[in-house]
N, C-alpha and C. Protein backbone atom coordinates (compact mmCIF):
# COMPACT_ATOMS: atom_id res chain seq x y z
N MET A 1 84.70 100.36 123.94
CA MET A 1 85.18 98.98 123.98
C MET A 1 84.57 98.19 122.82
N SER A 2 85.32 97.24 122.31
CA SER A 2 84.84 96.46 121.18
C SER A 2 83.93 95.33 121.66
N ASP A 3 83.18 94.78 120.72
CA ASP A 3 82.33 93.62 121.05
C ASP A 3 82.73 92.41 120.22
N PHE A 4 84.00 92.35 119.80
CA PHE A 4 84.46 91.21 119.02
C PHE A 4 84.69 90.04 119.96
N PRO A 5 84.19 88.87 119.61
CA PRO A 5 84.32 87.71 120.51
C PRO A 5 85.73 87.17 120.55
N ASN A 6 86.14 86.66 121.70
CA ASN A 6 87.41 85.96 121.80
C ASN A 6 87.25 84.54 121.29
N THR A 7 88.35 83.99 120.79
CA THR A 7 88.34 82.59 120.36
C THR A 7 88.35 81.71 121.61
N ASP A 8 87.60 80.62 121.56
CA ASP A 8 87.49 79.73 122.71
C ASP A 8 88.87 79.34 123.23
N GLY A 9 89.07 79.58 124.54
CA GLY A 9 90.29 79.13 125.19
C GLY A 9 91.47 80.06 125.08
N LEU A 10 91.40 81.07 124.23
CA LEU A 10 92.52 81.98 124.04
C LEU A 10 92.04 83.42 124.15
N SER A 11 92.79 84.23 124.90
CA SER A 11 92.54 85.67 124.87
C SER A 11 93.02 86.21 123.54
N ALA A 12 92.66 87.43 123.23
CA ALA A 12 93.09 88.04 121.97
C ALA A 12 94.60 88.13 121.88
N SER A 13 95.25 88.50 122.97
CA SER A 13 96.72 88.62 122.95
C SER A 13 97.38 87.26 122.80
N GLU A 14 96.80 86.22 123.42
CA GLU A 14 97.34 84.87 123.25
C GLU A 14 97.12 84.37 121.83
N PHE A 15 95.97 84.69 121.26
CA PHE A 15 95.68 84.30 119.88
C PHE A 15 96.71 84.92 118.93
N TRP A 16 97.01 86.20 119.16
CA TRP A 16 97.99 86.90 118.31
C TRP A 16 99.34 86.20 118.35
N ILE A 17 99.81 85.90 119.57
CA ILE A 17 101.12 85.26 119.72
C ILE A 17 101.14 83.89 119.06
N GLN A 18 100.09 83.10 119.29
CA GLN A 18 100.06 81.77 118.69
C GLN A 18 100.00 81.85 117.17
N ALA A 19 99.24 82.81 116.65
CA ALA A 19 99.17 82.99 115.18
C ALA A 19 100.54 83.38 114.64
N TRP A 20 101.25 84.24 115.36
CA TRP A 20 102.59 84.64 114.93
C TRP A 20 103.53 83.43 114.91
N GLU A 21 103.49 82.63 115.96
CA GLU A 21 104.38 81.47 116.05
C GLU A 21 104.09 80.45 114.95
N GLU A 22 102.82 80.23 114.66
CA GLU A 22 102.48 79.29 113.60
C GLU A 22 102.87 79.84 112.23
N ALA A 23 102.71 81.15 112.04
CA ALA A 23 103.11 81.76 110.77
C ALA A 23 104.62 81.72 110.60
N ALA A 24 105.36 81.96 111.70
CA ALA A 24 106.82 81.96 111.64
C ALA A 24 107.37 80.58 111.31
N ALA A 25 106.62 79.54 111.68
CA ALA A 25 107.06 78.18 111.40
C ALA A 25 106.98 77.84 109.92
N SER A 26 106.16 78.57 109.19
CA SER A 26 105.97 78.27 107.77
C SER A 26 106.47 79.37 106.84
N ASP A 27 106.74 80.55 107.36
CA ASP A 27 107.16 81.69 106.55
C ASP A 27 108.37 82.34 107.22
N LEU A 28 109.54 82.18 106.63
CA LEU A 28 110.77 82.70 107.23
C LEU A 28 110.73 84.21 107.44
N ARG A 29 110.00 84.92 106.61
CA ARG A 29 109.95 86.38 106.73
C ARG A 29 109.40 86.84 108.08
N VAL A 30 108.50 86.06 108.63
CA VAL A 30 107.82 86.49 109.85
C VAL A 30 108.80 86.66 111.00
N GLY A 31 109.68 85.70 111.18
CA GLY A 31 110.56 85.74 112.34
C GLY A 31 112.02 85.98 112.05
N ASN A 32 112.39 86.06 110.78
CA ASN A 32 113.80 86.19 110.41
C ASN A 32 114.04 87.55 109.75
N ASP A 33 114.79 88.42 110.43
CA ASP A 33 115.01 89.77 109.93
C ASP A 33 115.76 89.78 108.60
N THR A 34 116.69 88.85 108.42
CA THR A 34 117.46 88.80 107.18
C THR A 34 116.57 88.45 105.99
N GLU A 35 115.67 87.48 106.18
CA GLU A 35 114.75 87.10 105.12
C GLU A 35 113.78 88.23 104.80
N GLU A 36 113.34 88.94 105.81
CA GLU A 36 112.43 90.06 105.59
C GLU A 36 113.10 91.15 104.75
N GLU A 37 114.35 91.48 105.08
CA GLU A 37 115.05 92.52 104.34
C GLU A 37 115.36 92.06 102.91
N ARG A 38 115.65 90.77 102.74
CA ARG A 38 115.90 90.25 101.40
C ARG A 38 114.64 90.42 100.53
N PHE A 39 113.48 90.19 101.11
CA PHE A 39 112.24 90.39 100.37
C PHE A 39 112.09 91.84 99.93
N TRP A 40 112.32 92.78 100.86
CA TRP A 40 112.11 94.18 100.53
C TRP A 40 113.17 94.71 99.56
N GLN A 41 114.34 94.12 99.53
CA GLN A 41 115.34 94.53 98.55
C GLN A 41 114.80 94.38 97.13
N GLY A 42 114.04 93.32 96.90
CA GLY A 42 113.47 93.10 95.59
C GLY A 42 112.15 93.81 95.36
N TYR A 43 111.39 94.02 96.43
CA TYR A 43 110.02 94.52 96.29
C TYR A 43 109.90 96.03 96.46
N ALA A 44 110.74 96.62 97.32
CA ALA A 44 110.60 98.03 97.69
C ALA A 44 110.65 98.98 96.50
N PRO A 45 111.57 98.81 95.53
CA PRO A 45 111.65 99.78 94.44
C PRO A 45 110.37 99.90 93.62
N ALA A 46 109.58 98.84 93.56
CA ALA A 46 108.34 98.88 92.77
C ALA A 46 107.09 99.00 93.64
N TYR A 47 107.28 99.15 94.94
CA TYR A 47 106.15 99.12 95.87
C TYR A 47 105.10 100.17 95.52
N ASP A 48 105.52 101.40 95.25
CA ASP A 48 104.56 102.48 95.02
C ASP A 48 103.88 102.38 93.66
N ASP A 49 104.45 101.62 92.75
CA ASP A 49 103.85 101.45 91.43
C ASP A 49 102.86 100.29 91.39
N ARG A 50 102.91 99.43 92.40
CA ARG A 50 102.07 98.22 92.36
C ARG A 50 100.68 98.50 92.92
N ASN A 51 100.55 98.61 94.21
CA ASN A 51 99.21 98.80 94.78
C ASN A 51 99.30 99.47 96.15
N PRO A 52 99.79 100.70 96.21
CA PRO A 52 99.93 101.39 97.50
C PRO A 52 98.57 101.72 98.11
N LEU A 53 98.54 101.88 99.42
CA LEU A 53 97.29 102.19 100.13
C LEU A 53 97.10 103.69 100.35
N ALA A 54 98.15 104.38 100.76
CA ALA A 54 98.02 105.76 101.24
C ALA A 54 97.27 106.69 100.29
N PRO A 55 97.52 106.66 98.97
CA PRO A 55 96.85 107.64 98.09
C PRO A 55 95.34 107.49 98.00
N TYR A 56 94.79 106.39 98.53
CA TYR A 56 93.37 106.10 98.35
C TYR A 56 92.58 106.14 99.66
N THR A 57 93.12 106.83 100.66
CA THR A 57 92.52 106.82 102.00
C THR A 57 92.01 108.19 102.41
N GLN A 58 91.49 108.97 101.48
CA GLN A 58 91.11 110.35 101.78
C GLN A 58 90.11 110.44 102.94
N GLU A 59 89.05 109.64 102.90
CA GLU A 59 88.02 109.73 103.94
C GLU A 59 88.56 109.29 105.29
N LEU A 60 89.34 108.24 105.29
CA LEU A 60 89.94 107.76 106.53
C LEU A 60 90.88 108.81 107.11
N MET A 61 91.73 109.39 106.27
CA MET A 61 92.73 110.34 106.77
C MET A 61 92.11 111.65 107.24
N LYS A 62 90.94 112.00 106.74
CA LYS A 62 90.25 113.18 107.26
C LYS A 62 90.00 113.03 108.76
N GLN A 63 89.68 111.79 109.18
CA GLN A 63 89.46 111.53 110.60
C GLN A 63 90.74 111.76 111.41
N VAL A 64 91.87 111.39 110.83
CA VAL A 64 93.16 111.58 111.50
C VAL A 64 93.53 113.05 111.56
N TYR A 65 93.40 113.75 110.44
CA TYR A 65 93.79 115.16 110.39
C TYR A 65 93.06 116.00 111.43
N ALA A 66 91.82 115.62 111.73
CA ALA A 66 91.01 116.41 112.65
C ALA A 66 91.63 116.47 114.05
N TYR A 67 92.48 115.51 114.37
CA TYR A 67 93.08 115.45 115.70
C TYR A 67 94.48 116.07 115.76
N LEU A 68 95.07 116.34 114.61
CA LEU A 68 96.47 116.78 114.58
C LEU A 68 96.58 118.28 114.80
N LYS A 69 97.73 118.68 115.38
CA LYS A 69 98.02 120.09 115.62
C LYS A 69 99.31 120.48 114.90
N ALA A 70 99.40 121.74 114.54
CA ALA A 70 100.52 122.21 113.72
C ALA A 70 101.87 122.07 114.42
N ASP A 71 101.87 122.03 115.75
CA ASP A 71 103.14 121.92 116.47
C ASP A 71 103.38 120.50 117.01
N ASP A 72 102.59 119.53 116.57
CA ASP A 72 102.76 118.15 117.04
C ASP A 72 104.07 117.55 116.57
N ARG A 73 104.65 116.73 117.43
CA ARG A 73 105.72 115.82 117.03
C ARG A 73 105.07 114.46 116.84
N LEU A 74 105.12 113.95 115.61
CA LEU A 74 104.44 112.69 115.29
C LEU A 74 105.48 111.60 115.04
N LEU A 75 105.28 110.46 115.66
CA LEU A 75 106.12 109.28 115.47
C LEU A 75 105.35 108.29 114.61
N GLU A 76 105.92 107.93 113.46
CA GLU A 76 105.30 106.93 112.60
C GLU A 76 106.08 105.63 112.68
N ILE A 77 105.38 104.54 112.96
CA ILE A 77 105.98 103.22 113.07
C ILE A 77 105.79 102.48 111.75
N GLY A 78 106.89 102.09 111.11
CA GLY A 78 106.82 101.34 109.87
C GLY A 78 106.32 102.16 108.70
N PRO A 79 106.95 103.29 108.38
CA PRO A 79 106.46 104.13 107.27
C PRO A 79 106.67 103.53 105.90
N GLY A 80 107.53 102.52 105.77
CA GLY A 80 107.77 101.93 104.46
C GLY A 80 108.35 102.95 103.50
N THR A 81 107.70 103.12 102.36
CA THR A 81 108.20 104.07 101.36
C THR A 81 107.70 105.49 101.59
N GLY A 82 106.95 105.71 102.66
CA GLY A 82 106.60 107.07 103.05
C GLY A 82 105.29 107.60 102.51
N GLY A 83 104.41 106.74 102.03
CA GLY A 83 103.14 107.21 101.50
C GLY A 83 102.32 107.98 102.52
N PHE A 84 102.12 107.40 103.69
CA PHE A 84 101.38 108.09 104.74
C PHE A 84 102.21 109.23 105.34
N THR A 85 103.51 109.07 105.37
CA THR A 85 104.39 110.11 105.91
C THR A 85 104.18 111.42 105.17
N GLN A 86 104.09 111.34 103.85
CA GLN A 86 103.90 112.55 103.06
C GLN A 86 102.51 113.15 103.27
N LEU A 87 101.52 112.31 103.55
CA LEU A 87 100.19 112.83 103.85
C LEU A 87 100.15 113.54 105.20
N LEU A 88 100.89 113.01 106.16
CA LEU A 88 100.87 113.54 107.52
C LEU A 88 101.71 114.80 107.68
N ALA A 89 102.79 114.90 106.94
CA ALA A 89 103.78 115.97 107.13
C ALA A 89 103.19 117.38 107.14
N PRO A 90 102.27 117.73 106.24
CA PRO A 90 101.76 119.11 106.25
C PRO A 90 100.91 119.46 107.48
N HIS A 91 100.53 118.46 108.26
CA HIS A 91 99.60 118.69 109.37
C HIS A 91 100.28 118.71 110.74
N VAL A 92 101.58 118.47 110.78
CA VAL A 92 102.31 118.43 112.05
C VAL A 92 103.58 119.25 111.94
N GLY A 93 104.22 119.47 113.10
CA GLY A 93 105.42 120.28 113.10
C GLY A 93 106.70 119.50 112.90
N GLU A 94 106.70 118.23 113.35
CA GLU A 94 107.92 117.43 113.31
C GLU A 94 107.56 115.96 113.16
N LEU A 95 108.39 115.23 112.43
CA LEU A 95 108.17 113.80 112.20
C LEU A 95 109.39 113.00 112.64
N ALA A 96 109.12 111.83 113.22
CA ALA A 96 110.17 110.85 113.50
C ALA A 96 109.65 109.50 113.03
N LEU A 97 110.56 108.65 112.57
CA LEU A 97 110.19 107.38 111.96
C LEU A 97 110.90 106.22 112.64
N VAL A 98 110.18 105.13 112.83
CA VAL A 98 110.77 103.85 113.24
C VAL A 98 110.63 102.90 112.05
N GLU A 99 111.75 102.61 111.38
CA GLU A 99 111.73 101.79 110.18
C GLU A 99 112.98 100.93 110.12
N PRO A 100 112.84 99.60 110.30
CA PRO A 100 114.02 98.73 110.31
C PRO A 100 114.54 98.37 108.93
N SER A 101 113.75 98.56 107.88
CA SER A 101 114.16 98.12 106.54
C SER A 101 114.98 99.18 105.83
N THR A 102 116.23 98.88 105.56
CA THR A 102 117.09 99.80 104.81
C THR A 102 116.55 100.02 103.41
N SER A 103 116.04 98.96 102.79
CA SER A 103 115.54 99.05 101.42
C SER A 103 114.33 99.97 101.33
N MET A 104 113.41 99.84 102.27
CA MET A 104 112.23 100.69 102.26
C MET A 104 112.60 102.14 102.54
N PHE A 105 113.52 102.35 103.46
CA PHE A 105 113.90 103.73 103.80
C PHE A 105 114.62 104.40 102.64
N GLU A 106 115.37 103.65 101.86
CA GLU A 106 116.02 104.23 100.69
C GLU A 106 114.98 104.77 99.71
N VAL A 107 113.89 104.03 99.51
CA VAL A 107 112.83 104.50 98.62
C VAL A 107 112.14 105.72 99.24
N LEU A 108 111.92 105.69 100.54
CA LEU A 108 111.33 106.85 101.23
C LEU A 108 112.18 108.09 101.00
N CYS A 109 113.49 107.96 101.14
CA CYS A 109 114.39 109.11 100.94
C CYS A 109 114.30 109.63 99.51
N HIS A 110 114.24 108.70 98.55
CA HIS A 110 114.11 109.10 97.15
C HIS A 110 112.80 109.87 96.93
N ASN A 111 111.72 109.39 97.51
CA ASN A 111 110.44 110.07 97.39
C ASN A 111 110.46 111.42 98.09
N TRP A 112 111.11 111.46 99.25
CA TRP A 112 111.14 112.68 100.05
C TRP A 112 111.94 113.79 99.38
N ALA A 113 112.90 113.41 98.55
CA ALA A 113 113.73 114.40 97.86
C ALA A 113 112.91 115.30 96.95
N LYS A 114 111.71 114.86 96.58
CA LYS A 114 110.84 115.67 95.73
C LYS A 114 110.15 116.78 96.51
N LEU A 115 110.20 116.70 97.85
CA LEU A 115 109.54 117.68 98.71
C LEU A 115 110.54 118.71 99.21
N VAL A 116 110.04 119.90 99.50
CA VAL A 116 110.89 120.93 100.10
C VAL A 116 110.67 120.84 101.61
N ALA A 117 111.32 119.85 102.22
CA ALA A 117 111.13 119.60 103.65
C ALA A 117 112.30 118.79 104.16
N PRO A 118 112.71 119.02 105.41
CA PRO A 118 113.81 118.22 105.97
C PRO A 118 113.38 116.77 106.16
N LEU A 119 114.32 115.85 105.96
CA LEU A 119 114.04 114.43 106.13
C LEU A 119 113.74 114.15 107.60
N PRO A 120 112.68 113.38 107.88
CA PRO A 120 112.36 113.07 109.28
C PRO A 120 113.48 112.29 109.96
N GLN A 121 113.54 112.41 111.27
CA GLN A 121 114.48 111.62 112.08
C GLN A 121 114.16 110.14 111.92
N LEU A 122 115.20 109.32 111.79
CA LEU A 122 115.00 107.88 111.63
C LEU A 122 115.56 107.11 112.81
N LEU A 123 114.76 106.17 113.32
CA LEU A 123 115.23 105.14 114.24
C LEU A 123 115.19 103.83 113.46
N ALA A 124 116.36 103.32 113.08
CA ALA A 124 116.45 102.15 112.19
C ALA A 124 116.40 100.86 113.01
N VAL A 125 115.27 100.65 113.67
CA VAL A 125 115.07 99.48 114.52
C VAL A 125 113.62 99.02 114.41
N LYS A 126 113.35 97.82 114.87
CA LYS A 126 111.97 97.37 115.00
C LYS A 126 111.32 98.08 116.19
N TRP A 127 110.01 98.24 116.12
CA TRP A 127 109.31 98.95 117.18
C TRP A 127 109.54 98.30 118.55
N GLU A 128 109.55 96.98 118.57
CA GLU A 128 109.73 96.29 119.84
C GLU A 128 111.08 96.60 120.48
N GLU A 129 112.06 97.00 119.67
CA GLU A 129 113.41 97.26 120.16
C GLU A 129 113.75 98.74 120.19
N ALA A 130 112.80 99.59 119.87
CA ALA A 130 113.07 101.03 119.80
C ALA A 130 113.29 101.61 121.20
N PRO A 131 114.21 102.55 121.31
CA PRO A 131 114.42 103.22 122.60
C PRO A 131 113.25 104.16 122.89
N GLU A 132 113.21 104.68 124.10
CA GLU A 132 112.17 105.64 124.44
C GLU A 132 112.29 106.86 123.55
N VAL A 133 111.16 107.34 123.08
CA VAL A 133 111.14 108.52 122.22
C VAL A 133 109.91 109.35 122.58
N GLU A 134 110.04 110.65 122.49
CA GLU A 134 108.93 111.53 122.83
C GLU A 134 108.10 111.84 121.58
N ALA A 135 106.78 111.80 121.72
CA ALA A 135 105.89 112.11 120.61
C ALA A 135 104.53 112.53 121.15
N ASP A 136 103.92 113.49 120.47
CA ASP A 136 102.55 113.85 120.81
C ASP A 136 101.58 112.83 120.24
N VAL A 137 101.90 112.34 119.03
CA VAL A 137 101.01 111.43 118.32
C VAL A 137 101.83 110.25 117.78
N VAL A 138 101.26 109.06 117.88
CA VAL A 138 101.84 107.87 117.27
C VAL A 138 100.91 107.41 116.16
N PHE A 139 101.49 107.08 115.01
CA PHE A 139 100.72 106.64 113.85
C PHE A 139 101.40 105.41 113.26
N SER A 140 100.59 104.43 112.83
CA SER A 140 101.16 103.26 112.16
C SER A 140 100.12 102.64 111.25
N ALA A 141 100.56 102.22 110.06
CA ALA A 141 99.65 101.62 109.09
C ALA A 141 100.22 100.31 108.57
N ASN A 142 99.50 99.23 108.78
CA ASN A 142 99.85 97.91 108.23
C ASN A 142 101.29 97.50 108.56
N ALA A 143 101.73 97.81 109.76
CA ALA A 143 103.12 97.52 110.14
C ALA A 143 103.19 96.55 111.31
N PHE A 144 102.19 95.67 111.43
CA PHE A 144 102.08 94.85 112.64
C PHE A 144 102.33 93.37 112.39
N TYR A 145 102.49 92.96 111.14
CA TYR A 145 102.48 91.54 110.81
C TYR A 145 103.69 90.78 111.36
N ARG A 146 104.78 91.49 111.70
CA ARG A 146 105.95 90.79 112.24
C ARG A 146 106.09 90.98 113.75
N ILE A 147 105.15 91.64 114.37
CA ILE A 147 105.19 91.85 115.82
C ILE A 147 104.66 90.60 116.52
N ARG A 148 105.45 90.03 117.38
CA ARG A 148 105.03 88.81 118.09
C ARG A 148 104.11 89.14 119.26
N ASP A 149 104.49 90.07 120.10
CA ASP A 149 103.71 90.39 121.30
C ASP A 149 103.00 91.72 121.06
N MET A 150 101.80 91.64 120.51
CA MET A 150 101.08 92.85 120.16
C MET A 150 100.60 93.59 121.40
N LYS A 151 100.31 92.88 122.45
CA LYS A 151 99.85 93.54 123.68
C LYS A 151 100.94 94.45 124.23
N ASP A 152 102.16 93.96 124.29
CA ASP A 152 103.26 94.76 124.77
C ASP A 152 103.53 95.94 123.84
N SER A 153 103.42 95.71 122.53
CA SER A 153 103.68 96.78 121.56
C SER A 153 102.62 97.87 121.63
N LEU A 154 101.36 97.49 121.81
CA LEU A 154 100.30 98.48 121.95
C LEU A 154 100.48 99.30 123.22
N LEU A 155 100.86 98.64 124.30
CA LEU A 155 101.10 99.36 125.54
C LEU A 155 102.24 100.36 125.38
N LYS A 156 103.27 99.97 124.63
CA LYS A 156 104.40 100.87 124.38
C LYS A 156 103.95 102.08 123.56
N MET A 157 103.07 101.87 122.58
CA MET A 157 102.53 103.00 121.81
C MET A 157 101.75 103.94 122.73
N HIS A 158 100.93 103.35 123.59
CA HIS A 158 100.11 104.13 124.52
C HIS A 158 100.99 104.96 125.46
N GLN A 159 102.08 104.38 125.90
CA GLN A 159 102.97 105.07 126.83
C GLN A 159 103.84 106.12 126.12
N THR A 160 104.05 105.95 124.82
CA THR A 160 104.88 106.88 124.06
C THR A 160 104.13 108.15 123.68
N ALA A 161 102.86 108.01 123.30
CA ALA A 161 102.09 109.16 122.83
C ALA A 161 101.66 110.06 123.99
N ARG A 162 101.76 111.35 123.79
CA ARG A 162 101.26 112.30 124.78
C ARG A 162 99.76 112.55 124.61
N ARG A 163 99.29 112.46 123.35
CA ARG A 163 97.89 112.83 123.11
C ARG A 163 97.08 111.75 122.42
N HIS A 164 97.62 111.14 121.35
CA HIS A 164 96.76 110.27 120.55
C HIS A 164 97.56 109.20 119.83
N VAL A 165 96.90 108.06 119.58
CA VAL A 165 97.48 106.96 118.80
C VAL A 165 96.50 106.62 117.68
N PHE A 166 97.04 106.44 116.46
CA PHE A 166 96.25 106.04 115.30
C PHE A 166 96.85 104.79 114.68
N LEU A 167 96.03 103.77 114.47
CA LEU A 167 96.46 102.55 113.81
C LEU A 167 95.56 102.29 112.61
N VAL A 168 96.17 102.03 111.47
CA VAL A 168 95.45 101.72 110.24
C VAL A 168 95.76 100.28 109.86
N GLN A 169 94.72 99.48 109.60
CA GLN A 169 94.93 98.08 109.28
C GLN A 169 93.99 97.64 108.17
N SER A 170 94.58 97.21 107.04
CA SER A 170 93.78 96.66 105.95
C SER A 170 93.11 95.36 106.39
N ILE A 171 91.96 95.07 105.77
CA ILE A 171 91.19 93.88 106.11
C ILE A 171 90.93 93.09 104.83
N GLY A 172 91.24 91.81 104.86
CA GLY A 172 90.89 90.94 103.74
C GLY A 172 91.98 90.73 102.72
N GLN A 173 91.94 89.57 102.09
CA GLN A 173 92.88 89.23 101.03
C GLN A 173 92.62 90.11 99.81
N PRO A 174 93.64 90.41 99.01
CA PRO A 174 95.04 89.98 99.16
C PRO A 174 95.88 90.93 99.99
N PHE A 175 95.25 91.92 100.62
CA PHE A 175 96.00 92.99 101.27
C PHE A 175 96.39 92.66 102.71
N ALA A 176 95.57 91.90 103.40
CA ALA A 176 95.89 91.51 104.77
C ALA A 176 95.05 90.30 105.14
N GLY A 177 95.65 89.14 105.11
CA GLY A 177 94.92 87.94 105.48
C GLY A 177 94.63 87.91 106.97
N PRO A 178 93.72 87.06 107.40
CA PRO A 178 93.39 86.96 108.83
C PRO A 178 94.50 86.27 109.60
N LEU A 179 94.46 86.42 110.91
CA LEU A 179 95.32 85.63 111.79
C LEU A 179 94.76 84.22 111.85
N ARG A 180 95.65 83.23 111.81
CA ARG A 180 95.20 81.83 111.82
C ARG A 180 95.93 81.06 112.90
N VAL A 181 95.17 80.24 113.64
CA VAL A 181 95.76 79.33 114.61
C VAL A 181 95.05 77.98 114.50
N THR A 182 95.71 76.96 114.99
CA THR A 182 95.10 75.65 115.11
C THR A 182 94.93 75.35 116.59
N GLU A 183 93.70 75.23 117.01
CA GLU A 183 93.39 75.01 118.42
C GLU A 183 92.60 73.71 118.55
N ASN A 184 93.14 72.77 119.33
CA ASN A 184 92.49 71.45 119.49
C ASN A 184 92.24 70.78 118.14
N GLY A 185 93.21 70.96 117.23
CA GLY A 185 93.13 70.33 115.93
C GLY A 185 92.24 71.03 114.93
N GLU A 186 91.61 72.14 115.33
CA GLU A 186 90.70 72.86 114.46
C GLU A 186 91.29 74.20 114.04
N PRO A 187 91.29 74.52 112.74
CA PRO A 187 91.78 75.83 112.30
C PRO A 187 90.80 76.93 112.68
N GLN A 188 91.33 78.05 113.15
CA GLN A 188 90.51 79.19 113.52
C GLN A 188 91.12 80.44 112.93
N GLU A 189 90.26 81.37 112.54
CA GLU A 189 90.71 82.62 111.93
C GLU A 189 90.06 83.81 112.64
N ARG A 190 90.81 84.90 112.72
CA ARG A 190 90.25 86.15 113.22
C ARG A 190 90.82 87.31 112.41
N VAL A 191 90.02 88.32 112.20
CA VAL A 191 90.45 89.52 111.48
C VAL A 191 91.49 90.25 112.32
N ARG A 192 92.61 90.57 111.71
CA ARG A 192 93.73 91.18 112.43
C ARG A 192 93.31 92.46 113.17
N ALA A 193 92.58 93.33 112.48
CA ALA A 193 92.17 94.59 113.11
C ALA A 193 91.27 94.35 114.32
N GLU A 194 90.40 93.34 114.23
CA GLU A 194 89.51 93.04 115.35
C GLU A 194 90.29 92.51 116.55
N VAL A 195 91.33 91.74 116.29
CA VAL A 195 92.16 91.22 117.38
C VAL A 195 92.88 92.38 118.06
N ILE A 196 93.38 93.32 117.28
CA ILE A 196 94.04 94.50 117.87
C ILE A 196 93.06 95.23 118.79
N SER A 197 91.84 95.42 118.33
CA SER A 197 90.84 96.09 119.15
C SER A 197 90.57 95.32 120.45
N SER A 198 90.49 94.00 120.35
CA SER A 198 90.25 93.18 121.55
C SER A 198 91.44 93.21 122.51
N ILE A 199 92.64 93.30 121.98
CA ILE A 199 93.81 93.42 122.87
C ILE A 199 93.77 94.75 123.61
N LEU A 200 93.34 95.80 122.93
CA LEU A 200 93.18 97.10 123.62
C LEU A 200 92.16 96.98 124.74
N ASP A 201 91.12 96.18 124.54
CA ASP A 201 90.16 95.93 125.61
C ASP A 201 90.85 95.26 126.80
N GLU A 202 91.73 94.30 126.51
CA GLU A 202 92.47 93.64 127.59
C GLU A 202 93.27 94.65 128.40
N LEU A 203 93.78 95.66 127.71
CA LEU A 203 94.59 96.69 128.36
C LEU A 203 93.73 97.79 128.99
N ASN A 204 92.41 97.65 128.88
CA ASN A 204 91.47 98.66 129.37
C ASN A 204 91.73 100.03 128.75
N ILE A 205 92.07 100.02 127.46
CA ILE A 205 92.27 101.26 126.71
C ILE A 205 91.02 101.51 125.86
N GLU A 206 90.26 102.50 126.21
CA GLU A 206 89.07 102.84 125.44
C GLU A 206 89.50 103.42 124.09
N HIS A 207 88.86 102.98 123.03
CA HIS A 207 89.29 103.36 121.70
C HIS A 207 88.12 103.38 120.73
N HIS A 208 88.34 103.98 119.58
CA HIS A 208 87.37 104.01 118.50
C HIS A 208 87.80 103.04 117.40
N TYR A 209 86.83 102.35 116.84
CA TYR A 209 87.08 101.40 115.75
C TYR A 209 86.08 101.68 114.65
N ALA A 210 86.59 101.96 113.46
CA ALA A 210 85.71 102.20 112.31
C ALA A 210 86.37 101.64 111.07
N THR A 211 85.56 101.24 110.09
CA THR A 211 86.09 100.74 108.83
C THR A 211 85.65 101.64 107.68
N PHE A 212 86.52 101.72 106.67
CA PHE A 212 86.28 102.56 105.50
C PHE A 212 86.50 101.72 104.25
N PRO A 213 85.56 101.74 103.31
CA PRO A 213 85.79 101.04 102.04
C PRO A 213 86.80 101.82 101.21
N VAL A 214 87.81 101.14 100.73
CA VAL A 214 88.88 101.78 99.97
C VAL A 214 89.05 101.05 98.64
N GLN A 215 89.03 101.81 97.55
CA GLN A 215 89.31 101.24 96.23
C GLN A 215 90.77 101.48 95.89
N ARG A 216 91.51 100.40 95.72
CA ARG A 216 92.94 100.50 95.47
C ARG A 216 93.22 100.77 94.00
N LYS A 217 94.49 100.98 93.69
CA LYS A 217 94.94 101.25 92.32
C LYS A 217 94.49 100.15 91.36
N SER A 218 94.44 98.93 91.84
CA SER A 218 94.05 97.79 91.00
C SER A 218 92.55 97.76 90.70
N GLY A 219 91.79 98.60 91.41
CA GLY A 219 90.34 98.60 91.27
C GLY A 219 89.64 97.79 92.33
N GLU A 220 90.38 96.96 93.07
CA GLU A 220 89.78 96.14 94.13
C GLU A 220 89.36 97.02 95.30
N ILE A 221 88.19 96.69 95.86
CA ILE A 221 87.67 97.42 97.00
C ILE A 221 87.73 96.53 98.24
N HIS A 222 88.22 97.07 99.33
CA HIS A 222 88.26 96.31 100.58
C HIS A 222 88.15 97.29 101.74
N ASP A 223 87.87 96.78 102.92
CA ASP A 223 87.75 97.62 104.11
C ASP A 223 89.13 97.88 104.71
N VAL A 224 89.27 99.07 105.26
CA VAL A 224 90.45 99.43 106.02
C VAL A 224 89.98 99.96 107.36
N ALA A 225 90.52 99.42 108.43
CA ALA A 225 90.12 99.82 109.78
C ALA A 225 90.99 100.96 110.28
N LEU A 226 90.34 101.90 110.96
CA LEU A 226 91.04 102.95 111.71
C LEU A 226 90.73 102.73 113.17
N ILE A 227 91.76 102.46 113.94
CA ILE A 227 91.64 102.26 115.39
C ILE A 227 92.40 103.39 116.05
N HIS A 228 91.77 104.13 116.94
CA HIS A 228 92.49 105.26 117.55
C HIS A 228 91.94 105.58 118.93
N TRP A 229 92.79 106.23 119.71
CA TRP A 229 92.39 106.59 121.07
C TRP A 229 93.24 107.75 121.59
N SER A 230 92.66 108.45 122.56
CA SER A 230 93.36 109.54 123.23
C SER A 230 94.06 109.00 124.47
N VAL A 231 95.16 109.62 124.80
CA VAL A 231 95.98 109.17 125.95
C VAL A 231 95.67 110.05 127.15
């Protein structure tokens, strides 16, 4: 269980929802699917050339690989252009993807064409709207910023996985700003990864939380959290 403090007057899950609602009021991408896809239409083609995360997570991913089995069916939520997907593929038997962005999936397909491997199954929906799917392992990296009800989404991940869930979350600007709310006229901030951990506490899901320093392509160093648990 984590020891991250709750914000006065709000549980972690309530803080997440309020932060989402306040962000949606000022940023159309947060709550508007059309605006989100319009952004990725322009950004996705250059995403892997700018500052991707997956190629620089060797130490973190070693922790993940240790739990994977060759016959696992792994479900990845929000694979984007497939950076982590390509890292995971050699360690499991089958992959399925939940990715609502057509633009990001097009880049993933282009990248995947370089591999001698069948394209993973795609569910072209948001995680909150995804149908029931069977998986031994659920994996997701930095794909939580548009989820309004994180408590419900985490519970769905827990119920979907047969064995294990892995969540990767960058910490700190410019890669992942904190959650922000205004409570009683005062601005409050919490680290996104820490809030996720506290919501898991609310759900009584025992989990591991660790951070890894990662140097990105730009040379900037920041922490990346790995949150994971067995089902």
